[in-house]
Amino acid sequence: MSSAVQKSGTSTSKPVANFRADHQKDVVNRLRRIEGQVRGLVDMINSGRPCEDIALQMSATRKAMDKAFYRMMACSVMEAVYDADTEAKMVTEVEHAARLLEKFG
């Protein structure tokens, strides 16, 4: 791994595979909670709850999905940094991630 990848005293002792596995576990857990929120929304609609209550829950669900998306994008950036063998490659990969955030975020 190049010295360009090691930042201000941070250690690369944690392999990127473990980092990715931790992120994936976190994102899957978030998605499972979101899945429960969506089921709750269906129940709210079917039970005739007020539209404002449903809209509030939809907003919370949408924000939870955004957080899961940004968590996954953070993983993508970290992988790009860890996998880069040159500083130029790292910058290219981080710029790519930034474009994805602009497009989807």
Protein backbone atom coordinates (compact mmCIF):
# COMPACT_ATOMS: atom_id res chain seq x y z
CA MET A 1 0.00 0.00 0.00
CA SER A 2 1.42 3.38 -0.91
CA SER A 3 2.24 6.06 1.60
CA ALA A 4 -0.26 8.26 -0.26
CA VAL A 5 -3.02 6.08 1.10
CA GLN A 6 -1.93 6.34 4.74
CA LYS A 7 -3.32 9.54 6.20
CA SER A 8 -1.94 11.55 9.12
CA GLY A 9 -1.01 8.74 11.45
CA THR A 10 -3.97 6.46 10.74
CA SER A 11 -3.16 2.80 10.70
CA THR A 12 -4.09 0.45 7.92
CA SER A 13 -4.07 -2.49 10.33
CA LYS A 14 -7.76 -3.15 9.71
CA PRO A 15 -8.02 -4.84 6.32
CA VAL A 16 -10.42 -3.31 3.84
CA ALA A 17 -12.33 -6.61 3.69
CA ASN A 18 -13.21 -6.29 7.39
CA PHE A 19 -14.10 -2.63 6.89
CA ARG A 20 -16.39 -3.56 4.00
CA ALA A 21 -18.01 -6.38 5.98
CA ASP A 22 -18.73 -4.00 8.87
CA HIS A 23 -20.27 -1.44 6.50
CA GLN A 24 -22.34 -4.05 4.71
CA LYS A 25 -23.66 -5.38 8.01
CA ASP A 26 -24.58 -1.84 9.08
CA VAL A 27 -26.32 -1.11 5.77
CA VAL A 28 -28.23 -4.40 5.84
CA ASN A 29 -29.39 -3.65 9.39
CA ARG A 30 -30.52 -0.18 8.29
CA LEU A 31 -32.40 -1.66 5.33
CA ARG A 32 -34.15 -4.16 7.58
CA ARG A 33 -35.33 -1.33 9.82
CA ILE A 34 -36.50 0.58 6.72
CA GLU A 35 -38.34 -2.53 5.56
CA GLY A 36 -40.19 -2.52 8.89
CA GLN A 37 -40.97 1.17 8.46
CA VAL A 38 -42.42 0.52 5.00
CA ARG A 39 -44.58 -2.31 6.35
CA GLY A 40 -45.73 0.11 9.04
CA LEU A 41 -46.65 2.63 6.34
CA VAL A 42 -48.79 0.07 4.55
CA ASP A 43 -50.54 -0.73 7.84
CA MET A 44 -51.08 2.98 8.50
CA ILE A 45 -52.67 3.45 5.08
CA ASN A 46 -54.83 0.35 5.39
CA SER A 47 -56.03 1.40 8.83
CA GLY A 48 -57.09 4.83 7.60
CA ARG A 49 -54.56 6.92 9.52
CA PRO A 50 -54.50 10.64 8.66
CA CYS A 51 -52.46 11.60 5.60
CA GLU A 52 -50.29 13.92 7.69
CA ASP A 53 -49.28 11.05 9.98
CA ILE A 54 -48.46 8.89 6.96
CA ALA A 55 -46.50 11.69 5.32
CA LEU A 56 -44.47 12.18 8.51
CA GLN A 57 -43.58 8.48 8.59
CA MET A 58 -42.77 8.53 4.87
CA SER A 59 -40.38 11.40 5.49
CA ALA A 60 -38.65 9.47 8.27
CA THR A 61 -38.38 6.42 6.03
CA ARG A 62 -36.95 8.46 3.17
CA LYS A 63 -34.34 10.00 5.49
CA ALA A 64 -33.40 6.55 6.77
CA MET A 65 -32.91 5.39 3.18
CA ASP A 66 -30.73 8.43 2.48
CA LYS A 67 -28.57 7.59 5.50
CA ALA A 68 -28.16 4.00 4.28
CA PHE A 69 -27.18 5.33 0.84
CA TYR A 70 -24.57 7.70 2.28
CA ARG A 71 -23.20 4.93 4.49
CA MET A 72 -22.78 2.73 1.40
CA MET A 73 -21.11 5.59 -0.47
CA ALA A 74 -18.70 6.07 2.44
CA CYS A 75 -17.74 2.43 2.06
CA SER A 76 -17.16 2.97 -1.64
CA VAL A 77 -14.85 5.92 -0.96
CA MET A 78 -12.93 4.01 1.71
CA GLU A 79 -12.44 1.08 -0.66
CA ALA A 80 -11.17 3.46 -3.32
CA VAL A 81 -8.67 4.94 -0.88
CA TYR A 82 -7.48 1.58 0.44
CA ASP A 83 -7.28 -0.05 -2.99
CA ALA A 84 -5.46 2.80 -4.72
CA ASP A 85 -1.85 2.04 -5.44
CA THR A 86 -1.06 5.63 -6.38
CA GLU A 87 -2.25 8.99 -5.18
CA ALA A 88 -3.49 9.81 -8.68
CA LYS A 89 -5.63 6.65 -8.73
CA MET A 90 -7.00 7.52 -5.30
CA VAL A 91 -7.96 11.03 -6.42
CA THR A 92 -9.63 9.64 -9.55
CA GLU A 93 -11.67 7.15 -7.51
CA VAL A 94 -12.71 9.76 -4.93
CA GLU A 95 -13.75 12.13 -7.75
CA HIS A 96 -15.82 9.29 -9.24
CA ALA A 97 -17.55 8.79 -5.88
CA ALA A 98 -18.20 12.54 -5.68
CA ARG A 99 -19.88 12.44 -9.10
CA LEU A 100 -22.07 9.56 -7.94
CA LEU A 101 -23.10 11.58 -4.89
CA GLU A 102 -23.93 14.54 -7.09
CA LYS A 103 -25.97 12.31 -9.40
CA PHE A 104 -27.82 10.22 -6.81
CA GLY A 105 -27.47 12.07 -3.51
